[in-house]
Amino acid sequence: MAISRDEVVTAAIDLLDEAGLAALSLRRLAARLGVSAPTLYWHVTDKRALLDLMAERIVGEPAAPDAPADGEPWWEWFAEQARRQYRALTSHRDAALVVAGNRPTTSTSVEHIEHVLAVLVAAGLEPGEAMDAVFGVGHYVLGAALEAQAEAARGDTPPDPDLVARIAELPHLRAAGEAGLDVGRTFERGLTCLIDGLRARAESAPEADRAPAGQAPASQAPASQAPASPIP
């Protein structure tokens, strides 16, 4: 039976949604596809390679725009990139665990990262700062998605009555508790803090150091002197 790489990845994500990451194995995936385990090695060399492909599919659908639309502030565009990834991660079981530590597997992914960096450099960040911003916001999104899914998995477990009584005696915790737990609200507030900080950092750069998208800022060393790209 002939299968494609896309079919392998689709089946793997379906299995992830049904059984979770702990139950995902190449042997079980092969059985689901109706092929022998060695057949999968034509498409993926090992489980880590499979997870990289799955991660790229999860965060890449639907495709994110490479640059802000006309008149759209870069910080709003960048924040929406984060929201898009958060929605993708929380729509699949254990997706944050799959995406954590993944590496780009196609030139399309690498080129998208390059476009994002170009937007941030044009806003006033240096290339290294821009990459740190991409990683930093990405790590925040991963953590927030992991917490959201873990919280959902807890269900409606009754709290310890003694702990509830103690919280009622502590004014700030009591006031915060009255607002209720809302993981979506928490995510948005945290994201706002990150984006506001990046915007302030970018706007503090001298105007002369800002560059059109796709060009290095004036203060950057020539390409021959620049450090190697952190993208594998």
C-alpha atoms as a PDB file:
ATOM      1  CA  MET A   1       0.000   0.000   0.000  1.00  0.00           C
ATOM      2  CA  ALA A   2       1.497   3.320  -1.088  1.00  0.00           C
ATOM      3  CA  ILE A   3       1.166   6.210   1.341  1.00  0.00           C
ATOM      4  CA  SER A   4       2.345   9.823   1.227  1.00  0.00           C
ATOM      5  CA  ARG A   5       4.117  11.879   3.850  1.00  0.00           C
ATOM      6  CA  ASP A   6       1.020  14.050   4.183  1.00  0.00           C
ATOM      7  CA  GLU A   7      -1.048  10.957   4.966  1.00  0.00           C
ATOM      8  CA  VAL A   8       1.486   9.900   7.595  1.00  0.00           C
ATOM      9  CA  VAL A   9       1.348  13.302   9.297  1.00  0.00           C
ATOM     10  CA  THR A  10      -2.444  13.485   9.139  1.00  0.00           C
ATOM     11  CA  ALA A  11      -2.791  10.028  10.682  1.00  0.00           C
ATOM     12  CA  ALA A  12      -0.262  10.909  13.375  1.00  0.00           C
ATOM     13  CA  ILE A  13      -2.198  14.037  14.379  1.00  0.00           C
ATOM     14  CA  ASP A  14      -5.456  12.066  14.431  1.00  0.00           C
ATOM     15  CA  LEU A  15      -3.807   9.504  16.708  1.00  0.00           C
ATOM     16  CA  LEU A  16      -2.463  12.309  18.900  1.00  0.00           C
ATOM     17  CA  ASP A  17      -5.954  13.761  19.304  1.00  0.00           C
ATOM     18  CA  GLU A  18      -7.399  10.363  20.188  1.00  0.00           C
ATOM     19  CA  ALA A  19      -4.744   8.892  22.470  1.00  0.00           C
ATOM     20  CA  GLY A  20      -2.225  11.600  23.396  1.00  0.00           C
ATOM     21  CA  LEU A  21       1.498  11.914  22.878  1.00  0.00           C
ATOM     22  CA  ALA A  22       2.412   9.084  25.256  1.00  0.00           C
ATOM     23  CA  ALA A  23       0.513   6.620  23.069  1.00  0.00           C
ATOM     24  CA  LEU A  24       1.970   7.840  19.786  1.00  0.00           C
ATOM     25  CA  SER A  25       4.517   5.399  18.373  1.00  0.00           C
ATOM     26  CA  LEU A  26       5.684   4.539  14.886  1.00  0.00           C
ATOM     27  CA  ARG A  27       4.432   0.983  15.352  1.00  0.00           C
ATOM     28  CA  ARG A  28       0.953   2.130  16.350  1.00  0.00           C
ATOM     29  CA  LEU A  29       0.918   4.686  13.541  1.00  0.00           C
ATOM     30  CA  ALA A  30       1.893   2.016  11.007  1.00  0.00           C
ATOM     31  CA  ALA A  31      -0.946  -0.189  12.211  1.00  0.00           C
ATOM     32  CA  ARG A  32      -3.381   2.680  11.824  1.00  0.00           C
ATOM     33  CA  LEU A  33      -2.222   3.232   8.244  1.00  0.00           C
ATOM     34  CA  GLY A  34      -2.267  -0.467   7.453  1.00  0.00           C
ATOM     35  CA  VAL A  35       1.421  -0.659   6.565  1.00  0.00           C
ATOM     36  CA  SER A  36       4.514  -2.242   8.088  1.00  0.00           C
ATOM     37  CA  ALA A  37       6.615  -0.116  10.451  1.00  0.00           C
ATOM     38  CA  PRO A  38       9.626  -0.071   8.058  1.00  0.00           C
ATOM     39  CA  THR A  39       7.396   1.536   5.401  1.00  0.00           C
ATOM     40  CA  LEU A  40       7.175   4.664   7.563  1.00  0.00           C
ATOM     41  CA  TYR A  41      10.948   5.101   7.357  1.00  0.00           C
ATOM     42  CA  TRP A  42      10.544   6.126   3.729  1.00  0.00           C
ATOM     43  CA  HIS A  43       8.830   9.243   5.104  1.00  0.00           C
ATOM     44  CA  VAL A  44      10.253   9.806   8.606  1.00  0.00           C
ATOM     45  CA  THR A  45      13.615   8.680   9.949  1.00  0.00           C
ATOM     46  CA  ASP A  46      12.474   8.452  13.577  1.00  0.00           C
ATOM     47  CA  LYS A  47       9.841   9.705  16.013  1.00  0.00           C
ATOM     48  CA  ARG A  48      11.603  13.065  16.478  1.00  0.00           C
ATOM     49  CA  ALA A  49      11.416  13.696  12.732  1.00  0.00           C
ATOM     50  CA  LEU A  50       7.731  12.766  12.826  1.00  0.00           C
ATOM     51  CA  LEU A  51       7.100  15.206  15.682  1.00  0.00           C
ATOM     52  CA  ASP A  52       8.828  17.996  13.725  1.00  0.00           C
ATOM     53  CA  LEU A  53       6.523  17.368  10.771  1.00  0.00           C
ATOM     54  CA  MET A  54       3.484  17.252  13.036  1.00  0.00           C
ATOM     55  CA  ALA A  55       4.519  20.495  14.742  1.00  0.00           C
ATOM     56  CA  GLU A  56       4.909  22.243  11.417  1.00  0.00           C
ATOM     57  CA  ARG A  57       1.455  21.086  10.321  1.00  0.00           C
ATOM     58  CA  ILE A  58      -0.215  22.078  13.596  1.00  0.00           C
ATOM     59  CA  VAL A  59       1.158  25.619  13.751  1.00  0.00           C
ATOM     60  CA  GLY A  60       1.115  26.166   9.990  1.00  0.00           C
ATOM     61  CA  GLU A  61      -2.581  25.689   9.283  1.00  0.00           C
ATOM     62  CA  PRO A  62      -3.983  28.054   8.329  1.00  0.00           C
ATOM     63  CA  ALA A  63      -0.912  29.808   6.982  1.00  0.00           C
ATOM     64  CA  ALA A  64      -0.033  33.027   8.791  1.00  0.00           C
ATOM     65  CA  PRO A  65       0.587  36.214   6.773  1.00  0.00           C
ATOM     66  CA  ASP A  66       4.274  36.988   6.366  1.00  0.00           C
ATOM     67  CA  ALA A  67       3.852  40.717   6.948  1.00  0.00           C
ATOM     68  CA  PRO A  68       1.295  43.212   8.270  1.00  0.00           C
ATOM     69  CA  ALA A  69      -1.489  44.241   5.927  1.00  0.00           C
ATOM     70  CA  ASP A  70      -1.441  47.796   4.608  1.00  0.00           C
ATOM     71  CA  GLY A  71      -1.985  50.139   7.548  1.00  0.00           C
ATOM     72  CA  GLU A  72      -1.806  47.362  10.156  1.00  0.00           C
ATOM     73  CA  PRO A  73       0.597  48.170  13.025  1.00  0.00           C
ATOM     74  CA  TRP A  74       3.396  45.628  13.270  1.00  0.00           C
ATOM     75  CA  TRP A  75       2.721  44.940  16.959  1.00  0.00           C
ATOM     76  CA  GLU A  76      -0.919  44.052  16.288  1.00  0.00           C
ATOM     77  CA  TRP A  77       0.188  41.737  13.478  1.00  0.00           C
ATOM     78  CA  PHE A  78       2.801  40.092  15.714  1.00  0.00           C
ATOM     79  CA  ALA A  79       0.269  39.636  18.525  1.00  0.00           C
ATOM     80  CA  GLU A  80      -2.144  37.982  16.105  1.00  0.00           C
ATOM     81  CA  GLN A  81       0.631  35.589  15.074  1.00  0.00           C
ATOM     82  CA  ALA A  82       0.846  34.544  18.726  1.00  0.00           C
ATOM     83  CA  ARG A  83      -2.937  34.171  19.043  1.00  0.00           C
ATOM     84  CA  ARG A  84      -3.030  32.065  15.892  1.00  0.00           C
ATOM     85  CA  GLN A  85      -0.414  29.711  17.324  1.00  0.00           C
ATOM     86  CA  TYR A  86      -2.204  29.543  20.682  1.00  0.00           C
ATOM     87  CA  ARG A  87      -5.476  28.576  18.984  1.00  0.00           C
ATOM     88  CA  ALA A  88      -3.675  25.914  16.950  1.00  0.00           C
ATOM     89  CA  LEU A  89      -1.980  24.443  20.016  1.00  0.00           C
ATOM     90  CA  THR A  90      -5.120  24.324  22.116  1.00  0.00           C
ATOM     91  CA  SER A  91      -7.102  22.677  19.308  1.00  0.00           C
ATOM     92  CA  HIS A  92      -5.006  19.465  19.451  1.00  0.00           C
ATOM     93  CA  ARG A  93      -4.327  17.242  22.435  1.00  0.00           C
ATOM     94  CA  ASP A  94      -0.748  17.527  23.733  1.00  0.00           C
ATOM     95  CA  ALA A  95       0.131  19.834  20.832  1.00  0.00           C
ATOM     96  CA  ALA A  96       2.313  22.060  23.007  1.00  0.00           C
ATOM     97  CA  LEU A  97       4.437  19.033  23.915  1.00  0.00           C
ATOM     98  CA  VAL A  98       4.770  18.131  20.244  1.00  0.00           C
ATOM     99  CA  VAL A  99       5.754  21.646  19.170  1.00  0.00           C
ATOM    100  CA  ALA A 100       8.226  22.252  22.018  1.00  0.00           C
ATOM    101  CA  GLY A 101      11.758  21.769  20.729  1.00  0.00           C
ATOM    102  CA  ASN A 102      10.738  21.277  17.111  1.00  0.00           C
ATOM    103  CA  ARG A 103      12.885  22.473  14.203  1.00  0.00           C
ATOM    104  CA  PRO A 104      11.838  23.814  10.770  1.00  0.00           C
ATOM    105  CA  THR A 105      11.548  21.021   8.224  1.00  0.00           C
ATOM    106  CA  THR A 106      10.889  22.941   4.996  1.00  0.00           C
ATOM    107  CA  SER A 107      12.236  25.990   3.210  1.00  0.00           C
ATOM    108  CA  THR A 108       8.754  27.512   3.486  1.00  0.00           C
ATOM    109  CA  SER A 109       9.018  27.510   7.280  1.00  0.00           C
ATOM    110  CA  VAL A 110      12.477  29.047   7.241  1.00  0.00           C
ATOM    111  CA  GLU A 111      11.369  31.723   4.801  1.00  0.00           C
ATOM    112  CA  HIS A 112       8.378  32.579   7.003  1.00  0.00           C
ATOM    113  CA  ILE A 113      10.707  33.058   9.975  1.00  0.00           C
ATOM    114  CA  GLU A 114      12.887  35.310   7.807  1.00  0.00           C
ATOM    115  CA  HIS A 115       9.863  37.451   6.892  1.00  0.00           C
ATOM    116  CA  VAL A 116       8.853  37.779  10.556  1.00  0.00           C
ATOM    117  CA  LEU A 117      12.386  38.825  11.493  1.00  0.00           C
ATOM    118  CA  ALA A 118      12.388  41.383   8.667  1.00  0.00           C
ATOM    119  CA  VAL A 119       9.254  43.007  10.082  1.00  0.00           C
ATOM    120  CA  LEU A 120      10.742  43.203  13.580  1.00  0.00           C
ATOM    121  CA  VAL A 121      14.067  44.549  12.303  1.00  0.00           C
ATOM    122  CA  ALA A 122      12.237  47.202  10.312  1.00  0.00           C
ATOM    123  CA  ALA A 123      10.416  48.155  13.534  1.00  0.00           C
ATOM    124  CA  GLY A 124      13.730  48.887  15.271  1.00  0.00           C
ATOM    125  CA  LEU A 125      15.017  45.627  16.761  1.00  0.00           C
ATOM    126  CA  GLU A 126      18.397  44.214  15.856  1.00  0.00           C
ATOM    127  CA  PRO A 127      18.322  40.749  14.224  1.00  0.00           C
ATOM    128  CA  GLY A 128      19.420  38.979  17.418  1.00  0.00           C
ATOM    129  CA  GLU A 129      16.782  40.836  19.436  1.00  0.00           C
ATOM    130  CA  ALA A 130      14.174  40.007  16.828  1.00  0.00           C
ATOM    131  CA  MET A 131      14.987  36.296  17.037  1.00  0.00           C
ATOM    132  CA  ASP A 132      14.870  36.459  20.839  1.00  0.00           C
ATOM    133  CA  ALA A 133      11.450  38.115  20.545  1.00  0.00           C
ATOM    134  CA  VAL A 134      10.197  35.316  18.273  1.00  0.00           C
ATOM    135  CA  PHE A 135      11.509  32.667  20.663  1.00  0.00           C
ATOM    136  CA  GLY A 136      10.349  34.510  23.778  1.00  0.00           C
ATOM    137  CA  VAL A 137       6.775  35.034  22.601  1.00  0.00           C
ATOM    138  CA  GLY A 138       6.738  31.503  21.190  1.00  0.00           C
ATOM    139  CA  HIS A 139       7.808  30.066  24.536  1.00  0.00           C
ATOM    140  CA  TYR A 140       5.101  32.074  26.284  1.00  0.00           C
ATOM    141  CA  VAL A 141       2.479  30.736  23.880  1.00  0.00           C
ATOM    142  CA  LEU A 142       3.664  27.150  24.403  1.00  0.00           C
ATOM    143  CA  GLY A 143       3.520  27.511  28.176  1.00  0.00           C
ATOM    144  CA  ALA A 144       0.115  29.166  28.107  1.00  0.00           C
ATOM    145  CA  ALA A 145      -1.304  26.440  25.852  1.00  0.00           C
ATOM    146  CA  LEU A 146       0.150  23.717  28.065  1.00  0.00           C
ATOM    147  CA  GLU A 147      -1.381  25.308  31.174  1.00  0.00           C
ATOM    148  CA  ALA A 148      -4.758  25.768  29.466  1.00  0.00           C
ATOM    149  CA  GLN A 149      -4.930  22.105  28.493  1.00  0.00           C
ATOM    150  CA  ALA A 150      -3.700  20.932  31.895  1.00  0.00           C
ATOM    151  CA  GLU A 151      -6.335  23.069  33.609  1.00  0.00           C
ATOM    152  CA  ALA A 152      -9.041  21.633  31.360  1.00  0.00           C
ATOM    153  CA  ALA A 153      -7.854  18.104  32.166  1.00  0.00           C
ATOM    154  CA  ARG A 154      -8.310  18.742  35.909  1.00  0.00           C
ATOM    155  CA  GLY A 155     -12.039  19.054  35.484  1.00  0.00           C
ATOM    156  CA  ASP A 156     -14.173  20.342  38.357  1.00  0.00           C
ATOM    157  CA  THR A 157     -12.176  18.883  41.239  1.00  0.00           C
ATOM    158  CA  PRO A 158     -13.539  20.401  44.492  1.00  0.00           C
ATOM    159  CA  PRO A 159     -10.956  22.610  46.241  1.00  0.00           C
ATOM    160  CA  ASP A 160      -9.712  21.936  49.758  1.00  0.00           C
ATOM    161  CA  PRO A 161     -12.188  23.667  52.134  1.00  0.00           C
ATOM    162  CA  ASP A 162      -9.402  24.641  54.537  1.00  0.00           C
ATOM    163  CA  LEU A 163      -7.447  26.265  51.715  1.00  0.00           C
ATOM    164  CA  VAL A 164     -10.555  28.124  50.532  1.00  0.00           C
ATOM    165  CA  ALA A 165     -11.060  29.443  54.047  1.00  0.00           C
ATOM    166  CA  ARG A 166      -7.461  30.608  54.249  1.00  0.00           C
ATOM    167  CA  ILE A 167      -7.680  32.384  50.883  1.00  0.00           C
ATOM    168  CA  ALA A 168     -10.782  34.209  52.114  1.00  0.00           C
ATOM    169  CA  GLU A 169      -8.609  35.768  54.826  1.00  0.00           C
ATOM    170  CA  LEU A 170      -6.018  37.102  52.338  1.00  0.00           C
ATOM    171  CA  PRO A 171      -7.356  40.286  50.682  1.00  0.00           C
ATOM    172  CA  HIS A 172      -5.491  40.192  47.374  1.00  0.00           C
ATOM    173  CA  LEU A 173      -6.014  36.517  46.712  1.00  0.00           C
ATOM    174  CA  ARG A 174      -9.654  36.890  47.708  1.00  0.00           C
ATOM    175  CA  ALA A 175     -10.163  39.795  45.299  1.00  0.00           C
ATOM    176  CA  ALA A 176      -8.371  37.950  42.508  1.00  0.00           C
ATOM    177  CA  GLY A 177     -10.449  34.857  43.154  1.00  0.00           C
ATOM    178  CA  GLU A 178     -13.658  36.842  42.885  1.00  0.00           C
ATOM    179  CA  ALA A 179     -12.694  37.710  39.308  1.00  0.00           C
ATOM    180  CA  GLY A 180     -12.646  33.987  38.513  1.00  0.00           C
ATOM    181  CA  LEU A 181     -10.207  31.879  36.523  1.00  0.00           C
ATOM    182  CA  ASP A 182     -10.224  32.554  32.788  1.00  0.00           C
ATOM    183  CA  VAL A 183      -7.263  31.085  30.896  1.00  0.00           C
ATOM    184  CA  GLY A 184      -8.144  33.050  27.773  1.00  0.00           C
ATOM    185  CA  ARG A 185      -8.124  36.331  29.678  1.00  0.00           C
ATOM    186  CA  THR A 186      -4.855  35.399  31.369  1.00  0.00           C
ATOM    187  CA  PHE A 187      -3.265  34.616  28.006  1.00  0.00           C
ATOM    188  CA  GLU A 188      -4.343  37.950  26.532  1.00  0.00           C
ATOM    189  CA  ARG A 189      -3.069  39.959  29.482  1.00  0.00           C
ATOM    190  CA  GLY A 190       0.296  38.239  29.439  1.00  0.00           C
ATOM    191  CA  LEU A 191       0.588  38.649  25.682  1.00  0.00           C
ATOM    192  CA  THR A 192      -0.222  42.346  26.011  1.00  0.00           C
ATOM    193  CA  CYS A 193       2.632  42.791  28.489  1.00  0.00           C
ATOM    194  CA  LEU A 194       5.082  41.099  26.114  1.00  0.00           C
ATOM    195  CA  ILE A 195       3.960  43.011  23.035  1.00  0.00           C
ATOM    196  CA  ASP A 196       3.956  46.345  24.875  1.00  0.00           C
ATOM    197  CA  GLY A 197       7.516  45.662  26.028  1.00  0.00           C
ATOM    198  CA  LEU A 198       8.678  44.792  22.509  1.00  0.00           C
ATOM    199  CA  ARG A 199       6.994  47.877  21.105  1.00  0.00           C
ATOM    200  CA  ALA A 200       8.665  50.105  23.702  1.00  0.00           C
ATOM    201  CA  ARG A 201      12.039  48.500  22.990  1.00  0.00           C
ATOM    202  CA  ALA A 202      11.646  48.923  19.231  1.00  0.00           C
ATOM    203  CA  GLU A 203      10.498  52.522  19.521  1.00  0.00           C
ATOM    204  CA  SER A 204      13.493  53.370  21.705  1.00  0.00           C
ATOM    205  CA  ALA A 205      15.860  52.602  18.812  1.00  0.00           C
ATOM    206  CA  PRO A 206      17.211  55.647  16.958  1.00  0.00           C
ATOM    207  CA  GLU A 207      15.243  56.412  13.806  1.00  0.00           C
ATOM    208  CA  ALA A 208      18.420  55.986  11.752  1.00  0.00           C
ATOM    209  CA  ASP A 209      18.727  52.398  12.945  1.00  0.00           C
ATOM    210  CA  ARG A 210      15.345  51.415  11.570  1.00  0.00           C
ATOM    211  CA  ALA A 211      15.224  49.923   8.118  1.00  0.00           C
ATOM    212  CA  PRO A 212      12.687  48.890   5.506  1.00  0.00           C
ATOM    213  CA  ALA A 213      11.575  45.279   5.865  1.00  0.00           C
ATOM    214  CA  GLY A 214      14.165  42.934   4.447  1.00  0.00           C
ATOM    215  CA  GLN A 215      17.144  45.237   5.117  1.00  0.00           C
ATOM    216  CA  ALA A 216      19.540  45.255   8.067  1.00  0.00           C
ATOM    217  CA  PRO A 217      19.553  48.313  10.381  1.00  0.00           C
ATOM    218  CA  ALA A 218      22.367  50.793   9.886  1.00  0.00           C
ATOM    219  CA  SER A 219      24.099  49.799  13.126  1.00  0.00           C
ATOM    220  CA  GLN A 220      24.315  46.118  12.194  1.00  0.00           C
ATOM    221  CA  ALA A 221      27.703  44.689  11.223  1.00  0.00           C
ATOM    222  CA  PRO A 222      28.180  43.594   7.605  1.00  0.00           C
ATOM    223  CA  ALA A 223      26.879  40.120   6.840  1.00  0.00           C
ATOM    224  CA  SER A 224      30.413  38.702   6.816  1.00  0.00           C
ATOM    225  CA  GLN A 225      30.852  39.814  10.442  1.00  0.00           C
ATOM    226  CA  ALA A 226      27.387  38.947  11.694  1.00  0.00           C
ATOM    227  CA  PRO A 227      26.929  35.884  13.902  1.00  0.00           C
ATOM    228  CA  ALA A 228      25.563  32.716  12.370  1.00  0.00           C
ATOM    229  CA  SER A 229      21.799  32.421  12.211  1.00  0.00           C
ATOM    230  CA  PRO A 230      20.302  30.529  15.176  1.00  0.00           C
ATOM    231  CA  ILE A 231      17.898  28.805  12.778  1.00  0.00           C
ATOM    232  CA  PRO A 232      19.178  25.254  12.135  1.00  0.00           C
END
